[in-house]
N, C-alpha and C. Protein backbone atom coordinates (compact mmCIF):
# COMPACT_ATOMS: atom_id res chain seq x y z
N MET A 1 38.65 -40.48 41.41
CA MET A 1 38.12 -39.22 41.84
C MET A 1 38.16 -39.19 43.37
N THR A 2 38.61 -38.06 43.88
CA THR A 2 38.68 -37.92 45.34
C THR A 2 37.43 -37.23 45.85
N ARG A 3 37.36 -37.05 47.15
CA ARG A 3 36.20 -36.39 47.74
C ARG A 3 36.12 -34.93 47.35
N PHE A 4 37.25 -34.33 47.03
CA PHE A 4 37.30 -32.89 46.78
C PHE A 4 37.06 -32.52 45.33
N GLU A 5 37.06 -33.49 44.45
CA GLU A 5 36.82 -33.22 43.03
C GLU A 5 35.32 -33.27 42.74
N LYS A 6 34.92 -32.36 41.91
CA LYS A 6 33.52 -32.37 41.50
C LYS A 6 33.39 -33.20 40.22
N PRO A 7 32.34 -33.94 40.08
CA PRO A 7 32.19 -34.73 38.86
C PRO A 7 31.99 -33.82 37.65
N ALA A 8 32.46 -34.27 36.52
CA ALA A 8 32.32 -33.49 35.28
C ALA A 8 30.85 -33.38 34.90
N GLN A 9 30.49 -32.20 34.45
CA GLN A 9 29.10 -31.96 34.05
C GLN A 9 29.05 -31.80 32.53
N PHE A 10 28.49 -32.75 31.88
CA PHE A 10 28.28 -32.66 30.44
C PHE A 10 26.81 -32.38 30.22
N GLY A 11 26.49 -31.52 29.23
CA GLY A 11 25.11 -31.11 28.99
C GLY A 11 24.18 -32.27 28.72
N GLY A 12 24.67 -33.31 28.24
CA GLY A 12 23.84 -34.47 27.90
C GLY A 12 24.44 -35.14 26.68
N ALA A 13 24.02 -36.33 26.45
CA ALA A 13 24.59 -37.08 25.33
C ALA A 13 23.92 -36.74 24.01
N TYR A 14 22.79 -36.00 24.07
CA TYR A 14 22.03 -35.73 22.86
C TYR A 14 22.21 -34.28 22.43
N ALA A 15 22.06 -34.03 21.15
CA ALA A 15 22.14 -32.67 20.63
C ALA A 15 20.94 -31.86 21.10
N GLN A 16 21.12 -30.55 21.15
CA GLN A 16 20.03 -29.68 21.56
C GLN A 16 18.93 -29.70 20.50
N PRO A 17 17.68 -29.69 20.92
CA PRO A 17 16.59 -29.69 19.93
C PRO A 17 16.50 -28.34 19.22
N ALA A 18 15.90 -28.34 18.07
CA ALA A 18 15.71 -27.10 17.31
C ALA A 18 14.75 -26.20 18.08
N PRO A 19 14.91 -24.87 17.94
CA PRO A 19 14.01 -23.97 18.65
C PRO A 19 12.57 -24.15 18.17
N GLY A 20 11.64 -23.93 19.07
CA GLY A 20 10.23 -24.11 18.74
C GLY A 20 9.71 -22.96 17.89
N ALA A 21 8.50 -23.12 17.41
CA ALA A 21 7.88 -22.11 16.55
C ALA A 21 7.67 -20.80 17.30
N SER A 22 7.33 -20.87 18.59
CA SER A 22 7.12 -19.64 19.35
C SER A 22 8.43 -18.87 19.53
N ASP A 23 9.54 -19.59 19.67
CA ASP A 23 10.84 -18.92 19.78
C ASP A 23 11.20 -18.21 18.48
N ILE A 24 10.93 -18.86 17.37
CA ILE A 24 11.23 -18.27 16.07
C ILE A 24 10.34 -17.05 15.82
N LYS A 25 9.06 -17.15 16.17
CA LYS A 25 8.15 -16.01 16.00
C LYS A 25 8.60 -14.83 16.86
N THR A 26 9.04 -15.11 18.07
CA THR A 26 9.51 -14.04 18.95
C THR A 26 10.73 -13.36 18.37
N LEU A 27 11.66 -14.13 17.85
CA LEU A 27 12.87 -13.54 17.26
C LEU A 27 12.55 -12.73 16.01
N VAL A 28 11.62 -13.21 15.20
CA VAL A 28 11.22 -12.47 14.00
C VAL A 28 10.55 -11.16 14.39
N LEU A 29 9.68 -11.19 15.39
CA LEU A 29 9.03 -9.97 15.85
C LEU A 29 10.04 -8.98 16.41
N LEU A 30 10.98 -9.46 17.18
CA LEU A 30 12.02 -8.59 17.73
C LEU A 30 12.86 -7.97 16.62
N ALA A 31 13.21 -8.75 15.60
CA ALA A 31 13.98 -8.22 14.48
C ALA A 31 13.18 -7.17 13.72
N ALA A 32 11.88 -7.40 13.55
CA ALA A 32 11.03 -6.42 12.84
C ALA A 32 10.93 -5.13 13.63
N LEU A 33 10.78 -5.22 14.94
CA LEU A 33 10.71 -4.01 15.77
C LEU A 33 12.02 -3.23 15.75
N LEU A 34 13.12 -3.94 15.76
CA LEU A 34 14.43 -3.27 15.69
C LEU A 34 14.63 -2.60 14.33
N ALA A 35 14.19 -3.24 13.26
CA ALA A 35 14.30 -2.64 11.93
C ALA A 35 13.42 -1.41 11.82
N TYR A 36 12.22 -1.46 12.40
CA TYR A 36 11.33 -0.30 12.40
C TYR A 36 11.95 0.86 13.16
N ALA A 37 12.51 0.58 14.33
CA ALA A 37 13.13 1.63 15.13
C ALA A 37 14.33 2.22 14.41
N ALA A 38 15.14 1.38 13.78
CA ALA A 38 16.30 1.88 13.05
C ALA A 38 15.86 2.74 11.86
N GLY A 39 14.82 2.34 11.16
CA GLY A 39 14.32 3.14 10.05
C GLY A 39 13.79 4.48 10.52
N PHE A 40 13.10 4.48 11.64
CA PHE A 40 12.58 5.74 12.20
C PHE A 40 13.74 6.67 12.57
N VAL A 41 14.76 6.12 13.20
CA VAL A 41 15.91 6.93 13.61
C VAL A 41 16.63 7.49 12.39
N LEU A 42 16.71 6.72 11.33
CA LEU A 42 17.44 7.18 10.14
C LEU A 42 16.61 8.15 9.30
N LEU A 43 15.30 7.92 9.19
CA LEU A 43 14.48 8.73 8.29
C LEU A 43 13.90 9.99 8.94
N TYR A 44 13.75 10.01 10.25
CA TYR A 44 13.12 11.16 10.90
C TYR A 44 13.85 12.47 10.63
N PRO A 45 15.18 12.54 10.75
CA PRO A 45 15.86 13.80 10.47
C PRO A 45 15.70 14.27 9.02
N ILE A 46 15.64 13.34 8.09
CA ILE A 46 15.47 13.71 6.68
C ILE A 46 14.10 14.33 6.46
N VAL A 47 13.07 13.70 7.01
CA VAL A 47 11.71 14.21 6.85
C VAL A 47 11.55 15.53 7.59
N ALA A 48 12.14 15.65 8.76
CA ALA A 48 12.03 16.89 9.53
C ALA A 48 12.68 18.05 8.79
N SER A 49 13.82 17.83 8.17
CA SER A 49 14.47 18.91 7.43
C SER A 49 13.68 19.26 6.17
N SER A 50 13.04 18.26 5.54
CA SER A 50 12.22 18.52 4.37
C SER A 50 11.00 19.37 4.74
N VAL A 51 10.37 19.06 5.85
CA VAL A 51 9.22 19.84 6.30
C VAL A 51 9.66 21.25 6.67
N ALA A 52 10.81 21.37 7.33
CA ALA A 52 11.32 22.69 7.70
C ALA A 52 11.60 23.53 6.45
N ASN A 53 12.14 22.92 5.41
CA ASN A 53 12.38 23.65 4.15
C ASN A 53 11.07 24.08 3.52
N SER A 54 10.06 23.22 3.55
CA SER A 54 8.76 23.58 2.98
C SER A 54 8.13 24.74 3.74
N VAL A 55 8.22 24.72 5.05
CA VAL A 55 7.64 25.79 5.86
C VAL A 55 8.37 27.10 5.60
N SER A 56 9.70 27.04 5.48
CA SER A 56 10.45 28.28 5.24
C SER A 56 10.15 28.86 3.86
N GLU A 57 9.73 28.03 2.91
CA GLU A 57 9.36 28.51 1.58
C GLU A 57 7.91 28.98 1.53
N GLY A 58 7.19 28.83 2.63
CA GLY A 58 5.80 29.27 2.67
C GLY A 58 4.81 28.17 2.39
N ASN A 59 5.25 26.97 2.22
CA ASN A 59 4.36 25.84 1.95
C ASN A 59 4.20 25.02 3.23
N ASN A 60 3.48 25.56 4.17
CA ASN A 60 3.30 24.87 5.43
C ASN A 60 2.28 23.75 5.24
N PRO A 61 2.68 22.49 5.46
CA PRO A 61 1.75 21.37 5.27
C PRO A 61 0.53 21.46 6.19
N ALA A 62 0.66 22.11 7.34
CA ALA A 62 -0.47 22.21 8.26
C ALA A 62 -1.53 23.17 7.73
N LEU A 63 -1.16 24.09 6.85
CA LEU A 63 -2.11 25.08 6.34
C LEU A 63 -2.75 24.66 5.02
N MET A 64 -2.26 23.57 4.44
CA MET A 64 -2.82 23.12 3.15
C MET A 64 -4.22 22.55 3.37
N GLN A 65 -5.09 22.81 2.42
CA GLN A 65 -6.45 22.33 2.51
C GLN A 65 -6.55 20.93 1.92
N PHE A 66 -7.39 20.13 2.54
CA PHE A 66 -7.63 18.79 2.03
C PHE A 66 -8.57 18.85 0.85
N VAL A 67 -8.19 18.18 -0.23
CA VAL A 67 -9.06 18.12 -1.40
C VAL A 67 -9.53 16.68 -1.50
N GLY A 68 -10.80 16.49 -1.30
CA GLY A 68 -11.36 15.13 -1.32
C GLY A 68 -11.68 14.69 -2.72
N PRO A 69 -12.00 13.40 -2.88
CA PRO A 69 -12.34 12.88 -4.22
C PRO A 69 -13.70 13.37 -4.71
């Protein structure tokens, strides 16, 4: 090796350790939030059109009376 060459950098002789429990919990939470957002994006237009159809037929959900037990 000359003065101008950089020594080789190897990550280490050992395998990387498994991710910790906090890393796994974070990834699971992130996946759940993404699934929730995707469901909202997919279902919101369907529900909005259903409510619009109900209102146009005269069945406005905001005007319905609550019937308690």
